[in-house]
Amino acid sequence: MKNKKLIVIFFMVLLGGIITTFILKKGKNVKENPEIENAKLKTPEVEEISTDFNLNSFSNQDEDRLLKEIKICDSTMKEANNLARPSCSPRFFRFFKLKADKPLKDGFMLLVRSGVNGFPVRRLLVFERSGKRLINTNKFIGYIIEKRKTVNSNDDIVIRFFERYQNQKYFYHCLYSWKNGKYQFVRCEEINSERVKPELLDSVSVEVQKILIEKNLDY
């Protein structure tokens, strides 16, 4: 009888060990689940952007050549501070890549200093090459403040827009994604330094997009 009890206890301990090992192994597999690990990788790499044109510089000769190609500056102008007739200088223009592995000659975003060519505020112009021509895909009367890396497309961007309504100033931070050959509005994420609540994102974004279109801030 005593031996039977010992055998029963032995098998109970053995069964408990097997169950414990199975649970621990399952827990380990959950942690190492590729889908969960991949989900972590989906958080975009964010690059915040702030531009001081007085400290801006060009990396090589491509920038100067591209400015001349789109005819946005005067290559003969030697004066450094003439906004009405800007020279092809980093004091007036800053380049951003559309995608890390795409050379500037094939497409770029161009931030233009306020006051250049008569525009009182900063602008962001987007170009992509089609054949031998650079096509202006987007014109924003606003400026880039953030880039978010994407895997298979051009970077997502966040644009800061400004408008005045009934003597009140409004600043909108809007997310854009590349789709069908141009940047397209996704949502408005922030207004006057306040994040838009998740439950209001859709309705607020619809109204902000209307404002951007009506005031030609996004065209």
C-alpha atoms as a PDB file:
ATOM      1  CA  MET A   1       0.000   0.000   0.000  1.00  0.00           C
ATOM      2  CA  LYS A   2       2.815   2.330   0.918  1.00  0.00           C
ATOM      3  CA  ASN A   3       4.526   1.599  -2.404  1.00  0.00           C
ATOM      4  CA  LYS A   4       1.322   2.391  -4.293  1.00  0.00           C
ATOM      5  CA  LYS A   5       1.057   5.760  -2.519  1.00  0.00           C
ATOM      6  CA  LEU A   6       4.671   6.533  -3.412  1.00  0.00           C
ATOM      7  CA  ILE A   7       4.021   5.620  -7.059  1.00  0.00           C
ATOM      8  CA  VAL A   8       0.923   7.860  -7.126  1.00  0.00           C
ATOM      9  CA  ILE A   9       2.854  10.757  -5.572  1.00  0.00           C
ATOM     10  CA  PHE A  10       5.718  10.203  -8.047  1.00  0.00           C
ATOM     11  CA  PHE A  11       3.405  10.346 -11.048  1.00  0.00           C
ATOM     12  CA  MET A  12       1.619  13.432  -9.647  1.00  0.00           C
ATOM     13  CA  VAL A  13       4.953  15.221  -9.234  1.00  0.00           C
ATOM     14  CA  LEU A  14       6.019  14.086 -12.713  1.00  0.00           C
ATOM     15  CA  LEU A  15       2.729  15.279 -14.233  1.00  0.00           C
ATOM     16  CA  GLY A  16       3.047  18.592 -12.441  1.00  0.00           C
ATOM     17  CA  GLY A  17       6.534  19.036 -13.821  1.00  0.00           C
ATOM     18  CA  ILE A  18       5.382  18.297 -17.351  1.00  0.00           C
ATOM     19  CA  ILE A  19       2.491  20.776 -17.073  1.00  0.00           C
ATOM     20  CA  THR A  20       4.789  23.462 -15.620  1.00  0.00           C
ATOM     21  CA  THR A  21       7.352  22.922 -18.392  1.00  0.00           C
ATOM     22  CA  PHE A  22       4.605  23.161 -21.030  1.00  0.00           C
ATOM     23  CA  ILE A  23       3.245  26.412 -19.572  1.00  0.00           C
ATOM     24  CA  LEU A  24       6.696  27.979 -19.372  1.00  0.00           C
ATOM     25  CA  LYS A  25       7.517  26.918 -22.915  1.00  0.00           C
ATOM     26  CA  LYS A  26       4.230  28.299 -24.186  1.00  0.00           C
ATOM     27  CA  GLY A  27       4.875  31.575 -22.410  1.00  0.00           C
ATOM     28  CA  LYS A  28       8.322  31.757 -23.975  1.00  0.00           C
ATOM     29  CA  ASN A  29       6.857  31.073 -27.406  1.00  0.00           C
ATOM     30  CA  VAL A  30       4.370  33.908 -26.945  1.00  0.00           C
ATOM     31  CA  LYS A  31       7.193  36.321 -26.139  1.00  0.00           C
ATOM     32  CA  GLU A  32       9.110  35.161 -29.178  1.00  0.00           C
ATOM     33  CA  ASN A  33       6.066  35.180 -31.453  1.00  0.00           C
ATOM     34  CA  PRO A  34       7.235  36.867 -34.690  1.00  0.00           C
ATOM     35  CA  GLU A  35       3.897  38.630 -35.135  1.00  0.00           C
ATOM     36  CA  ILE A  36       4.234  40.320 -31.757  1.00  0.00           C
ATOM     37  CA  GLU A  37       7.872  41.214 -32.403  1.00  0.00           C
ATOM     38  CA  ASN A  38       6.976  42.588 -35.845  1.00  0.00           C
ATOM     39  CA  ALA A  39       4.208  44.681 -34.312  1.00  0.00           C
ATOM     40  CA  LYS A  40       6.844  46.440 -32.209  1.00  0.00           C
ATOM     41  CA  LEU A  41       8.820  47.198 -35.360  1.00  0.00           C
ATOM     42  CA  LYS A  42       5.805  48.897 -36.949  1.00  0.00           C
ATOM     43  CA  THR A  43       6.252  51.958 -34.742  1.00  0.00           C
ATOM     44  CA  PRO A  44       7.650  54.484 -37.222  1.00  0.00           C
ATOM     45  CA  GLU A  45      11.081  56.015 -36.834  1.00  0.00           C
ATOM     46  CA  VAL A  46      10.393  59.702 -36.273  1.00  0.00           C
ATOM     47  CA  GLU A  47      12.698  62.571 -37.226  1.00  0.00           C
ATOM     48  CA  GLU A  48      11.738  65.942 -35.804  1.00  0.00           C
ATOM     49  CA  ILE A  49      12.730  68.878 -38.008  1.00  0.00           C
ATOM     50  CA  SER A  50      13.612  72.468 -37.175  1.00  0.00           C
ATOM     51  CA  THR A  51      15.296  74.730 -39.722  1.00  0.00           C
ATOM     52  CA  ASP A  52      17.550  77.714 -39.209  1.00  0.00           C
ATOM     53  CA  PHE A  53      18.340  78.846 -42.759  1.00  0.00           C
ATOM     54  CA  ASN A  54      21.332  80.814 -41.522  1.00  0.00           C
ATOM     55  CA  LEU A  55      22.925  77.490 -40.522  1.00  0.00           C
ATOM     56  CA  ASN A  56      21.687  75.534 -43.535  1.00  0.00           C
ATOM     57  CA  SER A  57      24.122  74.142 -46.109  1.00  0.00           C
ATOM     58  CA  PHE A  58      24.089  72.044 -49.284  1.00  0.00           C
ATOM     59  CA  SER A  59      25.691  68.605 -49.285  1.00  0.00           C
ATOM     60  CA  ASN A  60      26.926  68.656 -52.902  1.00  0.00           C
ATOM     61  CA  GLN A  61      26.350  70.238 -56.311  1.00  0.00           C
ATOM     62  CA  ASP A  62      23.039  68.431 -56.890  1.00  0.00           C
ATOM     63  CA  GLU A  63      21.049  70.967 -54.874  1.00  0.00           C
ATOM     64  CA  ASP A  64      22.266  73.939 -56.889  1.00  0.00           C
ATOM     65  CA  ARG A  65      21.588  72.151 -60.183  1.00  0.00           C
ATOM     66  CA  LEU A  66      18.085  71.082 -59.112  1.00  0.00           C
ATOM     67  CA  LEU A  67      17.153  74.623 -58.033  1.00  0.00           C
ATOM     68  CA  LYS A  68      18.137  75.870 -61.469  1.00  0.00           C
ATOM     69  CA  GLU A  69      16.178  73.058 -63.108  1.00  0.00           C
ATOM     70  CA  ILE A  70      12.910  74.041 -61.393  1.00  0.00           C
ATOM     71  CA  LYS A  71      13.643  77.747 -62.011  1.00  0.00           C
ATOM     72  CA  ILE A  72      12.965  78.904 -58.467  1.00  0.00           C
ATOM     73  CA  CYS A  73      16.106  81.012 -58.057  1.00  0.00           C
ATOM     74  CA  ASP A  74      18.379  83.362 -59.993  1.00  0.00           C
ATOM     75  CA  SER A  75      21.716  81.702 -60.692  1.00  0.00           C
ATOM     76  CA  THR A  76      23.251  85.057 -61.658  1.00  0.00           C
ATOM     77  CA  MET A  77      22.350  86.767 -58.369  1.00  0.00           C
ATOM     78  CA  LYS A  78      25.323  87.320 -56.080  1.00  0.00           C
ATOM     79  CA  GLU A  79      23.545  89.312 -53.380  1.00  0.00           C
ATOM     80  CA  ALA A  80      22.976  87.067 -50.341  1.00  0.00           C
ATOM     81  CA  ASN A  81      19.825  88.588 -48.828  1.00  0.00           C
ATOM     82  CA  ASN A  82      17.610  89.528 -51.774  1.00  0.00           C
ATOM     83  CA  LEU A  83      14.340  87.673 -51.050  1.00  0.00           C
ATOM     84  CA  ALA A  84      12.538  89.105 -54.069  1.00  0.00           C
ATOM     85  CA  ARG A  85      15.255  87.800 -56.379  1.00  0.00           C
ATOM     86  CA  PRO A  86      16.783  84.912 -54.448  1.00  0.00           C
ATOM     87  CA  SER A  87      20.105  83.377 -55.325  1.00  0.00           C
ATOM     88  CA  CYS A  88      20.400  79.580 -55.520  1.00  0.00           C
ATOM     89  CA  SER A  89      21.601  79.485 -51.940  1.00  0.00           C
ATOM     90  CA  PRO A  90      21.037  77.339 -48.827  1.00  0.00           C
ATOM     91  CA  ARG A  91      20.103  80.608 -47.100  1.00  0.00           C
ATOM     92  CA  PHE A  92      16.767  80.336 -48.936  1.00  0.00           C
ATOM     93  CA  PHE A  93      16.238  76.635 -49.673  1.00  0.00           C
ATOM     94  CA  ARG A  94      16.543  73.329 -47.826  1.00  0.00           C
ATOM     95  CA  PHE A  95      16.279  69.878 -49.412  1.00  0.00           C
ATOM     96  CA  PHE A  96      14.810  66.685 -47.945  1.00  0.00           C
ATOM     97  CA  LYS A  97      14.783  63.226 -49.451  1.00  0.00           C
ATOM     98  CA  LEU A  98      11.471  61.578 -50.217  1.00  0.00           C
ATOM     99  CA  LYS A  99      12.938  58.206 -49.299  1.00  0.00           C
ATOM    100  CA  ALA A 100      16.286  57.213 -47.804  1.00  0.00           C
ATOM    101  CA  ASP A 101      17.403  55.146 -50.799  1.00  0.00           C
ATOM    102  CA  LYS A 102      16.171  57.602 -53.455  1.00  0.00           C
ATOM    103  CA  PRO A 103      18.706  60.188 -54.725  1.00  0.00           C
ATOM    104  CA  LEU A 104      17.666  63.834 -54.736  1.00  0.00           C
ATOM    105  CA  LYS A 105      17.775  64.001 -58.531  1.00  0.00           C
ATOM    106  CA  ASP A 106      14.851  61.544 -58.656  1.00  0.00           C
ATOM    107  CA  GLY A 107      12.667  63.375 -56.173  1.00  0.00           C
ATOM    108  CA  PHE A 108      12.821  65.691 -53.176  1.00  0.00           C
ATOM    109  CA  MET A 109      10.980  68.005 -50.804  1.00  0.00           C
ATOM    110  CA  LEU A 110      12.063  71.627 -50.888  1.00  0.00           C
ATOM    111  CA  LEU A 111      11.513  73.932 -47.923  1.00  0.00           C
ATOM    112  CA  VAL A 112      11.476  77.577 -49.037  1.00  0.00           C
ATOM    113  CA  ARG A 113      12.291  80.395 -46.637  1.00  0.00           C
ATOM    114  CA  SER A 114       9.564  82.904 -45.794  1.00  0.00           C
ATOM    115  CA  GLY A 115       9.657  86.004 -47.996  1.00  0.00           C
ATOM    116  CA  VAL A 116      11.249  84.239 -50.977  1.00  0.00           C
ATOM    117  CA  ASN A 117       9.612  85.238 -54.283  1.00  0.00           C
ATOM    118  CA  GLY A 118       6.987  87.285 -52.483  1.00  0.00           C
ATOM    119  CA  PHE A 119       5.527  84.562 -50.237  1.00  0.00           C
ATOM    120  CA  PRO A 120       5.306  85.886 -46.652  1.00  0.00           C
ATOM    121  CA  VAL A 121       5.508  82.430 -45.045  1.00  0.00           C
ATOM    122  CA  ARG A 122       7.463  79.228 -45.504  1.00  0.00           C
ATOM    123  CA  ARG A 123       6.420  76.786 -48.214  1.00  0.00           C
ATOM    124  CA  LEU A 124       7.093  73.122 -48.848  1.00  0.00           C
ATOM    125  CA  LEU A 125       7.251  72.001 -52.485  1.00  0.00           C
ATOM    126  CA  VAL A 126       7.425  68.328 -53.472  1.00  0.00           C
ATOM    127  CA  PHE A 127       8.951  67.115 -56.737  1.00  0.00           C
ATOM    128  CA  GLU A 128       9.277  63.677 -58.307  1.00  0.00           C
ATOM    129  CA  ARG A 129      10.993  62.890 -61.577  1.00  0.00           C
ATOM    130  CA  SER A 130       8.979  61.408 -64.405  1.00  0.00           C
ATOM    131  CA  GLY A 131      11.228  60.558 -67.310  1.00  0.00           C
ATOM    132  CA  LYS A 132      13.467  63.586 -67.740  1.00  0.00           C
ATOM    133  CA  ARG A 133      11.105  66.085 -66.066  1.00  0.00           C
ATOM    134  CA  LEU A 134      10.643  66.995 -62.420  1.00  0.00           C
ATOM    135  CA  ILE A 135       6.915  67.075 -61.641  1.00  0.00           C
ATOM    136  CA  ASN A 136       5.675  69.340 -58.840  1.00  0.00           C
ATOM    137  CA  THR A 137       3.329  66.928 -57.022  1.00  0.00           C
ATOM    138  CA  ASN A 138       2.479  69.046 -53.966  1.00  0.00           C
ATOM    139  CA  LYS A 139       2.502  72.668 -52.848  1.00  0.00           C
ATOM    140  CA  PHE A 140       2.027  73.364 -49.151  1.00  0.00           C
ATOM    141  CA  ILE A 141       1.761  76.844 -47.651  1.00  0.00           C
ATOM    142  CA  GLY A 142       3.229  75.414 -44.489  1.00  0.00           C
ATOM    143  CA  TYR A 143       6.432  73.744 -43.429  1.00  0.00           C
ATOM    144  CA  ILE A 144       7.647  70.286 -42.529  1.00  0.00           C
ATOM    145  CA  ILE A 145       8.199  69.575 -38.832  1.00  0.00           C
ATOM    146  CA  GLU A 146       8.479  65.790 -38.839  1.00  0.00           C
ATOM    147  CA  LYS A 147       9.369  62.820 -41.043  1.00  0.00           C
ATOM    148  CA  ARG A 148       8.249  59.264 -40.300  1.00  0.00           C
ATOM    149  CA  LYS A 149      10.088  56.407 -41.958  1.00  0.00           C
ATOM    150  CA  THR A 150       8.064  53.925 -43.981  1.00  0.00           C
ATOM    151  CA  VAL A 151       9.091  50.525 -45.308  1.00  0.00           C
ATOM    152  CA  ASN A 152       7.853  50.443 -48.893  1.00  0.00           C
ATOM    153  CA  SER A 153       7.007  54.047 -49.717  1.00  0.00           C
ATOM    154  CA  ASN A 154       8.205  57.629 -49.442  1.00  0.00           C
ATOM    155  CA  ASP A 155       8.436  58.934 -45.887  1.00  0.00           C
ATOM    156  CA  ASP A 156       5.279  60.126 -44.153  1.00  0.00           C
ATOM    157  CA  ILE A 157       5.485  63.809 -43.225  1.00  0.00           C
ATOM    158  CA  VAL A 158       3.862  66.164 -40.730  1.00  0.00           C
ATOM    159  CA  ILE A 159       3.174  69.705 -41.950  1.00  0.00           C
ATOM    160  CA  ARG A 160       2.550  72.725 -39.725  1.00  0.00           C
ATOM    161  CA  PHE A 161      -0.060  75.059 -41.179  1.00  0.00           C
ATOM    162  CA  PHE A 162      -1.139  78.486 -39.943  1.00  0.00           C
ATOM    163  CA  GLU A 163      -4.358  80.405 -40.417  1.00  0.00           C
ATOM    164  CA  ARG A 164      -6.046  83.378 -38.811  1.00  0.00           C
ATOM    165  CA  TYR A 165      -9.805  83.355 -38.184  1.00  0.00           C
ATOM    166  CA  GLN A 166     -11.697  86.159 -36.446  1.00  0.00           C
ATOM    167  CA  ASN A 167      -8.464  87.581 -35.007  1.00  0.00           C
ATOM    168  CA  GLN A 168      -7.476  84.186 -33.621  1.00  0.00           C
ATOM    169  CA  LYS A 169      -4.384  82.255 -34.668  1.00  0.00           C
ATOM    170  CA  TYR A 170      -4.653  78.545 -35.426  1.00  0.00           C
ATOM    171  CA  PHE A 171      -1.787  76.125 -35.984  1.00  0.00           C
ATOM    172  CA  TYR A 172      -2.525  72.698 -37.425  1.00  0.00           C
ATOM    173  CA  HIS A 173      -0.167  69.732 -37.442  1.00  0.00           C
ATOM    174  CA  CYS A 174      -1.291  67.401 -40.210  1.00  0.00           C
ATOM    175  CA  LEU A 175      -0.041  63.990 -41.282  1.00  0.00           C
ATOM    176  CA  TYR A 176       0.442  63.182 -44.987  1.00  0.00           C
ATOM    177  CA  SER A 177       1.238  59.860 -46.663  1.00  0.00           C
ATOM    178  CA  TRP A 178       2.461  59.181 -50.201  1.00  0.00           C
ATOM    179  CA  LYS A 179      -0.246  57.642 -52.375  1.00  0.00           C
ATOM    180  CA  ASN A 180      -0.876  57.566 -56.125  1.00  0.00           C
ATOM    181  CA  GLY A 181       2.106  59.741 -56.950  1.00  0.00           C
ATOM    182  CA  LYS A 182       1.629  62.540 -54.405  1.00  0.00           C
ATOM    183  CA  TYR A 183       1.270  63.316 -50.725  1.00  0.00           C
ATOM    184  CA  GLN A 184      -2.294  62.970 -49.512  1.00  0.00           C
ATOM    185  CA  PHE A 185      -3.904  64.222 -46.324  1.00  0.00           C
ATOM    186  CA  VAL A 186      -4.364  61.576 -43.619  1.00  0.00           C
ATOM    187  CA  ARG A 187      -5.440  63.414 -40.469  1.00  0.00           C
ATOM    188  CA  CYS A 188      -4.972  66.466 -38.266  1.00  0.00           C
ATOM    189  CA  GLU A 189      -3.132  65.381 -35.116  1.00  0.00           C
ATOM    190  CA  GLU A 190      -2.676  68.634 -33.220  1.00  0.00           C
ATOM    191  CA  ILE A 191      -4.231  72.105 -33.020  1.00  0.00           C
ATOM    192  CA  ASN A 192      -2.517  74.964 -31.163  1.00  0.00           C
ATOM    193  CA  SER A 193      -0.168  72.545 -29.351  1.00  0.00           C
ATOM    194  CA  GLU A 194      -3.076  70.367 -28.152  1.00  0.00           C
ATOM    195  CA  ARG A 195      -3.352  66.783 -29.344  1.00  0.00           C
ATOM    196  CA  VAL A 196      -6.674  65.954 -30.955  1.00  0.00           C
ATOM    197  CA  LYS A 197      -8.498  63.323 -28.892  1.00  0.00           C
ATOM    198  CA  PRO A 198      -8.666  59.904 -30.609  1.00  0.00           C
ATOM    199  CA  GLU A 199     -12.466  59.903 -30.635  1.00  0.00           C
ATOM    200  CA  LEU A 200     -12.469  63.280 -32.420  1.00  0.00           C
ATOM    201  CA  LEU A 201      -9.725  62.587 -34.960  1.00  0.00           C
ATOM    202  CA  ASP A 202     -12.029  61.748 -37.863  1.00  0.00           C
ATOM    203  CA  SER A 203     -14.473  64.638 -37.454  1.00  0.00           C
ATOM    204  CA  VAL A 204     -11.797  67.236 -36.685  1.00  0.00           C
ATOM    205  CA  SER A 205      -9.643  66.067 -39.606  1.00  0.00           C
ATOM    206  CA  VAL A 206     -12.535  66.483 -42.042  1.00  0.00           C
ATOM    207  CA  GLU A 207     -13.069  70.092 -40.947  1.00  0.00           C
ATOM    208  CA  VAL A 208      -9.359  70.969 -40.968  1.00  0.00           C
ATOM    209  CA  GLN A 209      -8.921  69.523 -44.457  1.00  0.00           C
ATOM    210  CA  LYS A 210     -11.773  71.734 -45.682  1.00  0.00           C
ATOM    211  CA  ILE A 211      -9.985  74.788 -44.252  1.00  0.00           C
ATOM    212  CA  LEU A 212      -6.677  73.842 -45.884  1.00  0.00           C
ATOM    213  CA  ILE A 213      -8.335  73.470 -49.281  1.00  0.00           C
ATOM    214  CA  GLU A 214     -10.537  76.579 -49.034  1.00  0.00           C
ATOM    215  CA  LYS A 215      -7.557  78.758 -48.040  1.00  0.00           C
ATOM    216  CA  ASN A 216      -5.198  77.192 -50.612  1.00  0.00           C
ATOM    217  CA  LEU A 217      -2.798  76.016 -47.936  1.00  0.00           C
ATOM    218  CA  ASP A 218      -2.689  72.572 -49.539  1.00  0.00           C
ATOM    219  CA  TYR A 219      -2.924  72.610 -53.345  1.00  0.00           C
END
